[in-house]
PDB file of all heavy atoms in Angstrom:
ATOM      1  N   MET A   1     249.562 -20.620  85.130  1.00  0.00           N
ATOM      2  CA  MET A   1     250.724 -19.941  84.642  1.00  0.00           C
ATOM      3  C   MET A   1     251.928 -20.875  84.804  1.00  0.00           C
ATOM      4  O   MET A   1     252.106 -21.508  85.843  1.00  0.00           O
ATOM      5  CB  MET A   1     250.907 -18.561  85.276  1.00  0.00           C
ATOM      6  CG  MET A   1     252.089 -17.836  84.806  1.00  0.00           C
ATOM      7  SD  MET A   1     252.156 -16.194  85.516  1.00  0.00           S
ATOM      8  CE  MET A   1     252.969 -15.307  84.235  1.00  0.00           C
ATOM      9  N   LYS A   2     252.852 -20.815  83.863  1.00  0.00           N
ATOM     10  CA  LYS A   2     254.079 -21.568  83.922  1.00  0.00           C
ATOM     11  C   LYS A   2     255.003 -21.012  85.006  1.00  0.00           C
ATOM     12  O   LYS A   2     255.138 -19.753  85.129  1.00  0.00           O
ATOM     13  CB  LYS A   2     254.780 -21.488  82.536  1.00  0.00           C
ATOM     14  CG  LYS A   2     256.068 -22.173  82.568  1.00  0.00           C
ATOM     15  CD  LYS A   2     256.749 -21.941  81.107  1.00  0.00           C
ATOM     16  CE  LYS A   2     258.221 -22.362  81.217  1.00  0.00           C
ATOM     17  NZ  LYS A   2     259.203 -21.609  80.518  1.00  0.00           N
ATOM     18  N   HIS A   3     255.738 -21.854  85.709  1.00  0.00           N
ATOM     19  CA  HIS A   3     256.712 -21.364  86.593  1.00  0.00           C
ATOM     20  C   HIS A   3     258.018 -21.003  85.877  1.00  0.00           C
ATOM     21  O   HIS A   3     258.375 -21.623  84.917  1.00  0.00           O
ATOM     22  CB  HIS A   3     257.069 -22.527  87.645  1.00  0.00           C
ATOM     23  CG  HIS A   3     255.988 -22.656  88.659  1.00  0.00           C
ATOM     24  ND1 HIS A   3     255.025 -23.638  88.499  1.00  0.00           N
ATOM     25  CD2 HIS A   3     255.685 -21.954  89.746  1.00  0.00           C
ATOM     26  CE1 HIS A   3     254.192 -23.544  89.554  1.00  0.00           C
ATOM     27  NE2 HIS A   3     254.619 -22.555  90.279  1.00  0.00           N
ATOM     28  N   ILE A   4     258.587 -19.912  86.346  1.00  0.00           N
ATOM     29  CA  ILE A   4     259.898 -19.369  85.720  1.00  0.00           C
ATOM     30  C   ILE A   4     260.987 -20.020  86.476  1.00  0.00           C
ATOM     31  O   ILE A   4     261.054 -19.936  87.741  1.00  0.00           O
ATOM     32  CB  ILE A   4     259.876 -17.857  85.742  1.00  0.00           C
ATOM     33  CG1 ILE A   4     258.725 -17.314  84.936  1.00  0.00           C
ATOM     34  CG2 ILE A   4     261.295 -17.331  85.360  1.00  0.00           C
ATOM     35  CD1 ILE A   4     258.553 -15.858  85.095  1.00  0.00           C
ATOM     36  N   GLN A   5     261.941 -20.683  85.812  1.00  0.00           N
ATOM     37  CA  GLN A   5     263.173 -21.260  86.410  1.00  0.00           C
ATOM     38  C   GLN A   5     264.286 -20.142  86.311  1.00  0.00           C
ATOM     39  O   GLN A   5     264.569 -19.671  85.258  1.00  0.00           O
ATOM     40  CB  GLN A   5     263.597 -22.471  85.644  1.00  0.00           C
ATOM     41  CG  GLN A   5     262.557 -23.570  85.600  1.00  0.00           C
ATOM     42  CD  GLN A   5     262.271 -24.134  86.983  1.00  0.00           C
ATOM     43  OE1 GLN A   5     263.158 -24.317  87.768  1.00  0.00           O
ATOM     44  NE2 GLN A   5     261.015 -24.319  87.273  1.00  0.00           N
ATOM     45  N   ALA A   6     264.744 -19.778  87.515  1.00  0.00           N
ATOM     46  CA  ALA A   6     265.663 -18.708  87.642  1.00  0.00           C
ATOM     47  C   ALA A   6     267.028 -19.195  88.222  1.00  0.00           C
ATOM     48  O   ALA A   6     267.046 -19.946  89.171  1.00  0.00           O
ATOM     49  CB  ALA A   6     265.079 -17.541  88.537  1.00  0.00           C
ATOM     50  N   VAL A   7     268.083 -18.530  87.740  1.00  0.00           N
ATOM     51  CA  VAL A   7     269.392 -18.708  88.314  1.00  0.00           C
ATOM     52  C   VAL A   7     269.870 -17.302  88.819  1.00  0.00           C
ATOM     53  O   VAL A   7     269.692 -16.348  88.100  1.00  0.00           O
ATOM     54  CB  VAL A   7     270.424 -19.235  87.280  1.00  0.00           C
ATOM     55  CG1 VAL A   7     271.840 -19.142  87.738  1.00  0.00           C
ATOM     56  CG2 VAL A   7     270.127 -20.657  86.919  1.00  0.00           C
ATOM     57  N   ILE A   8     270.449 -17.245  90.024  1.00  0.00           N
ATOM     58  CA  ILE A   8     270.949 -16.021  90.501  1.00  0.00           C
ATOM     59  C   ILE A   8     272.474 -16.224  90.625  1.00  0.00           C
ATOM     60  O   ILE A   8     272.986 -17.056  91.298  1.00  0.00           O
ATOM     61  CB  ILE A   8     270.453 -15.694  91.957  1.00  0.00           C
ATOM     62  CG1 ILE A   8     268.879 -15.521  91.938  1.00  0.00           C
ATOM     63  CG2 ILE A   8     271.129 -14.441  92.501  1.00  0.00           C
ATOM     64  CD1 ILE A   8     268.299 -15.331  93.252  1.00  0.00           C
ATOM     65  N   MET A   9     273.155 -15.401  89.810  1.00  0.00           N
ATOM     66  CA  MET A   9     274.610 -15.476  89.755  1.00  0.00           C
ATOM     67  C   MET A   9     275.147 -14.352  90.692  1.00  0.00           C
ATOM     68  O   MET A   9     274.764 -13.207  90.529  1.00  0.00           O
ATOM     69  CB  MET A   9     275.166 -15.289  88.347  1.00  0.00           C
ATOM     70  CG  MET A   9     274.571 -16.385  87.407  1.00  0.00           C
ATOM     71  SD  MET A   9     275.235 -16.335  85.772  1.00  0.00           S
ATOM     72  CE  MET A   9     276.706 -17.303  86.006  1.00  0.00           C
ATOM     73  N   GLY A  10     275.904 -14.736  91.672  1.00  0.00           N
ATOM     74  CA  GLY A  10     276.366 -13.801  92.715  1.00  0.00           C
ATOM     75  C   GLY A  10     275.463 -13.862  93.906  1.00  0.00           C
ATOM     76  O   GLY A  10     275.255 -12.846  94.604  1.00  0.00           O
ATOM     77  N   ALA A  11     274.868 -15.013  94.160  1.00  0.00           N
ATOM     78  CA  ALA A  11     273.939 -15.139  95.248  1.00  0.00           C
ATOM     79  C   ALA A  11     274.492 -14.963  96.678  1.00  0.00           C
ATOM     80  O   ALA A  11     273.736 -14.672  97.582  1.00  0.00           O
ATOM     81  CB  ALA A  11     273.245 -16.533  95.153  1.00  0.00           C
ATOM     82  N   SER A  12     275.769 -14.986  96.829  1.00  0.00           N
ATOM     83  CA  SER A  12     276.352 -14.820  98.121  1.00  0.00           C
ATOM     84  C   SER A  12     276.698 -13.410  98.479  1.00  0.00           C
ATOM     85  O   SER A  12     277.117 -13.102  99.583  1.00  0.00           O
ATOM     86  CB  SER A  12     277.663 -15.667  98.239  1.00  0.00           C
ATOM     87  OG  SER A  12     278.617 -15.180  97.375  1.00  0.00           O
ATOM     88  N   GLY A  13     276.313 -12.481  97.607  1.00  0.00           N
ATOM     89  CA  GLY A  13     276.496 -11.045  97.890  1.00  0.00           C
ATOM     90  C   GLY A  13     275.189 -10.434  98.302  1.00  0.00           C
ATOM     91  O   GLY A  13     274.114 -11.068  98.247  1.00  0.00           O
ATOM     92  N   TYR A  14     275.258  -9.179  98.713  1.00  0.00           N
ATOM     93  CA  TYR A  14     274.074  -8.470  99.275  1.00  0.00           C
ATOM     94  C   TYR A  14     272.956  -8.451  98.207  1.00  0.00           C
ATOM     95  O   TYR A  14     271.794  -8.763  98.500  1.00  0.00           O
ATOM     96  CB  TYR A  14     274.471  -7.056  99.748  1.00  0.00           C
ATOM     97  CG  TYR A  14     273.273  -6.248 100.130  1.00  0.00           C
ATOM     98  CD1 TYR A  14     272.671  -6.548 101.389  1.00  0.00           C
ATOM     99  CD2 TYR A  14     272.676  -5.316  99.304  1.00  0.00           C
ATOM    100  CE1 TYR A  14     271.554  -5.816 101.772  1.00  0.00           C
ATOM    101  CE2 TYR A  14     271.540  -4.631  99.677  1.00  0.00           C
ATOM    102  CZ  TYR A  14     271.023  -4.868 100.902  1.00  0.00           C
ATOM    103  OH  TYR A  14     269.940  -4.129 101.271  1.00  0.00           O
ATOM    104  N   THR A  15     273.296  -7.982  96.995  1.00  0.00           N
ATOM    105  CA  THR A  15     272.268  -7.886  95.955  1.00  0.00           C
ATOM    106  C   THR A  15     271.569  -9.200  95.653  1.00  0.00           C
ATOM    107  O   THR A  15     270.357  -9.348  95.488  1.00  0.00           O
ATOM    108  CB  THR A  15     272.817  -7.277  94.662  1.00  0.00           C
ATOM    109  OG1 THR A  15     273.409  -5.978  94.977  1.00  0.00           O
ATOM    110  CG2 THR A  15     271.752  -7.110  93.603  1.00  0.00           C
ATOM    111  N   GLY A  16     272.377 -10.284  95.490  1.00  0.00           N
ATOM    112  CA  GLY A  16     271.896 -11.584  95.263  1.00  0.00           C
ATOM    113  C   GLY A  16     270.986 -12.120  96.330  1.00  0.00           C
ATOM    114  O   GLY A  16     269.916 -12.702  96.104  1.00  0.00           O
ATOM    115  N   ALA A  17     271.386 -11.906  97.566  1.00  0.00           N
ATOM    116  CA  ALA A  17     270.572 -12.387  98.742  1.00  0.00           C
ATOM    117  C   ALA A  17     269.248 -11.642  98.846  1.00  0.00           C
ATOM    118  O   ALA A  17     268.134 -12.199  99.063  1.00  0.00           O
ATOM    119  CB  ALA A  17     271.303 -12.219 100.001  1.00  0.00           C
ATOM    120  N   GLU A  18     269.281 -10.295  98.590  1.00  0.00           N
ATOM    121  CA  GLU A  18     268.000  -9.549  98.590  1.00  0.00           C
ATOM    122  C   GLU A  18     267.070  -9.960  97.412  1.00  0.00           C
ATOM    123  O   GLU A  18     265.900 -10.089  97.654  1.00  0.00           O
ATOM    124  CB  GLU A  18     268.288  -8.013  98.537  1.00  0.00           C
ATOM    125  CG  GLU A  18     268.691  -7.432  99.830  1.00  0.00           C
ATOM    126  CD  GLU A  18     267.501  -7.572 100.824  1.00  0.00           C
ATOM    127  OE1 GLU A  18     266.463  -6.994 100.613  1.00  0.00           O
ATOM    128  OE2 GLU A  18     267.769  -8.342 101.848  1.00  0.00           O
ATOM    129  N   LEU A  19     267.661 -10.132  96.227  1.00  0.00           N
ATOM    130  CA  LEU A  19     266.912 -10.640  95.121  1.00  0.00           C
ATOM    131  C   LEU A  19     266.244 -11.955  95.506  1.00  0.00           C
ATOM    132  O   LEU A  19     265.078 -12.224  95.226  1.00  0.00           O
ATOM    133  CB  LEU A  19     267.676 -10.729  93.834  1.00  0.00           C
ATOM    134  CG  LEU A  19     266.937 -11.299  92.636  1.00  0.00           C
ATOM    135  CD1 LEU A  19     265.808 -10.488  92.224  1.00  0.00           C
ATOM    136  CD2 LEU A  19     267.998 -11.518  91.482  1.00  0.00           C
ATOM    137  N   LEU A  20     267.007 -12.886  96.022  1.00  0.00           N
ATOM    138  CA  LEU A  20     266.505 -14.196  96.389  1.00  0.00           C
ATOM    139  C   LEU A  20     265.374 -14.069  97.394  1.00  0.00           C
ATOM    140  O   LEU A  20     264.302 -14.757  97.279  1.00  0.00           O
ATOM    141  CB  LEU A  20     267.664 -15.050  96.941  1.00  0.00           C
ATOM    142  CG  LEU A  20     267.171 -16.426  97.436  1.00  0.00           C
ATOM    143  CD1 LEU A  20     266.535 -17.275  96.332  1.00  0.00           C
ATOM    144  CD2 LEU A  20     268.294 -17.228  98.061  1.00  0.00           C
ATOM    145  N   ARG A  21     265.517 -13.175  98.397  1.00  0.00           N
ATOM    146  CA  ARG A  21     264.463 -13.025  99.355  1.00  0.00           C
ATOM    147  C   ARG A  21     263.130 -12.542  98.618  1.00  0.00           C
ATOM    148  O   ARG A  21     262.085 -13.076  98.963  1.00  0.00           O
ATOM    149  CB  ARG A  21     264.890 -11.884 100.368  1.00  0.00           C
ATOM    150  CG  ARG A  21     263.894 -11.618 101.406  1.00  0.00           C
ATOM    151  CD  ARG A  21     264.305 -10.547 102.367  1.00  0.00           C
ATOM    152  NE  ARG A  21     264.411  -9.265 101.685  1.00  0.00           N
ATOM    153  CZ  ARG A  21     263.385  -8.498 101.383  1.00  0.00           C
ATOM    154  NH1 ARG A  21     262.177  -8.840 101.707  1.00  0.00           N
ATOM    155  NH2 ARG A  21     263.585  -7.287 100.790  1.00  0.00           N
ATOM    156  N   LEU A  22     263.259 -11.733  97.636  1.00  0.00           N
ATOM    157  CA  LEU A  22     262.087 -11.266  96.942  1.00  0.00           C
ATOM    158  C   LEU A  22     261.494 -12.399  96.053  1.00  0.00           C
ATOM    159  O   LEU A  22     260.274 -12.522  95.962  1.00  0.00           O
ATOM    160  CB  LEU A  22     262.419  -9.998  96.059  1.00  0.00           C
ATOM    161  CG  LEU A  22     262.809  -8.742  96.828  1.00  0.00           C
ATOM    162  CD1 LEU A  22     263.337  -7.727  95.943  1.00  0.00           C
ATOM    163  CD2 LEU A  22     261.662  -8.257  97.682  1.00  0.00           C
ATOM    164  N   LEU A  23     262.389 -13.045  95.362  1.00  0.00           N
ATOM    165  CA  LEU A  23     261.907 -14.109  94.475  1.00  0.00           C
ATOM    166  C   LEU A  23     261.278 -15.245  95.159  1.00  0.00           C
ATOM    167  O   LEU A  23     260.349 -15.909  94.664  1.00  0.00           O
ATOM    168  CB  LEU A  23     263.096 -14.604  93.608  1.00  0.00           C
ATOM    169  CG  LEU A  23     263.625 -13.603  92.560  1.00  0.00           C
ATOM    170  CD1 LEU A  23     264.789 -14.286  91.751  1.00  0.00           C
ATOM    171  CD2 LEU A  23     262.519 -13.194  91.544  1.00  0.00           C
ATOM    172  N   LEU A  24     261.749 -15.576  96.409  1.00  0.00           N
ATOM    173  CA  LEU A  24     261.102 -16.670  97.192  1.00  0.00           C
ATOM    174  C   LEU A  24     259.701 -16.391  97.517  1.00  0.00           C
ATOM    175  O   LEU A  24     258.893 -17.349  97.741  1.00  0.00           O
ATOM    176  CB  LEU A  24     261.905 -16.916  98.442  1.00  0.00           C
ATOM    177  CG  LEU A  24     263.247 -17.643  98.206  1.00  0.00           C
ATOM    178  CD1 LEU A  24     264.048 -17.690  99.525  1.00  0.00           C
ATOM    179  CD2 LEU A  24     263.063 -18.963  97.648  1.00  0.00           C
ATOM    180  N   ALA A  25     259.307 -15.171  97.447  1.00  0.00           N
ATOM    181  CA  ALA A  25     257.859 -14.806  97.786  1.00  0.00           C
ATOM    182  C   ALA A  25     257.000 -14.792  96.566  1.00  0.00           C
ATOM    183  O   ALA A  25     255.799 -14.619  96.619  1.00  0.00           O
ATOM    184  CB  ALA A  25     257.829 -13.405  98.420  1.00  0.00           C
ATOM    185  N   HIS A  26     257.665 -14.950  95.368  1.00  0.00           N
ATOM    186  CA  HIS A  26     256.944 -14.926  94.113  1.00  0.00           C
ATOM    187  C   HIS A  26     256.340 -16.295  93.842  1.00  0.00           C
ATOM    188  O   HIS A  26     257.109 -17.320  93.821  1.00  0.00           O
ATOM    189  CB  HIS A  26     257.882 -14.502  92.986  1.00  0.00           C
ATOM    190  CG  HIS A  26     257.085 -14.050  91.788  1.00  0.00           C
ATOM    191  ND1 HIS A  26     256.361 -14.983  90.916  1.00  0.00           N
ATOM    192  CD2 HIS A  26     256.937 -12.892  91.215  1.00  0.00           C
ATOM    193  CE1 HIS A  26     255.848 -14.325  89.917  1.00  0.00           C
ATOM    194  NE2 HIS A  26     256.153 -13.047  90.092  1.00  0.00           N
ATOM    195  N   PRO A  27     255.039 -16.395  93.556  1.00  0.00           N
ATOM    196  CA  PRO A  27     254.449 -17.739  93.405  1.00  0.00           C
ATOM    197  C   PRO A  27     254.827 -18.499  92.086  1.00  0.00           C
ATOM    198  O   PRO A  27     254.611 -19.692  92.035  1.00  0.00           O
ATOM    199  CB  PRO A  27     252.939 -17.410  93.415  1.00  0.00           C
ATOM    200  CG  PRO A  27     252.829 -15.976  92.974  1.00  0.00           C
ATOM    201  CD  PRO A  27     254.088 -15.302  93.507  1.00  0.00           C
ATOM    202  N   TYR A  28     255.374 -17.740  91.116  1.00  0.00           N
ATOM    203  CA  TYR A  28     255.670 -18.405  89.873  1.00  0.00           C
ATOM    204  C   TYR A  28     257.121 -18.468  89.519  1.00  0.00           C
ATOM    205  O   TYR A  28     257.519 -18.728  88.398  1.00  0.00           O
ATOM    206  CB  TYR A  28     254.918 -17.665  88.712  1.00  0.00           C
ATOM    207  CG  TYR A  28     253.435 -17.704  88.850  1.00  0.00           C
ATOM    208  CD1 TYR A  28     252.693 -16.677  89.171  1.00  0.00           C
ATOM    209  CD2 TYR A  28     252.829 -18.965  88.741  1.00  0.00           C
ATOM    210  CE1 TYR A  28     251.328 -16.706  89.315  1.00  0.00           C
ATOM    211  CE2 TYR A  28     251.415 -19.031  88.867  1.00  0.00           C
ATOM    212  CZ  TYR A  28     250.693 -17.937  89.150  1.00  0.00           C
ATOM    213  OH  TYR A  28     249.352 -18.041  89.323  1.00  0.00           O
TER     214      TYR A  28
END
């Protein structure tokens, strides 16, 4: 499966940080 390239806009806020935590566990 192809890896998805993602940008998180607003990564220094609570929502951005929580999303990043979840995405870092995603293998793709």
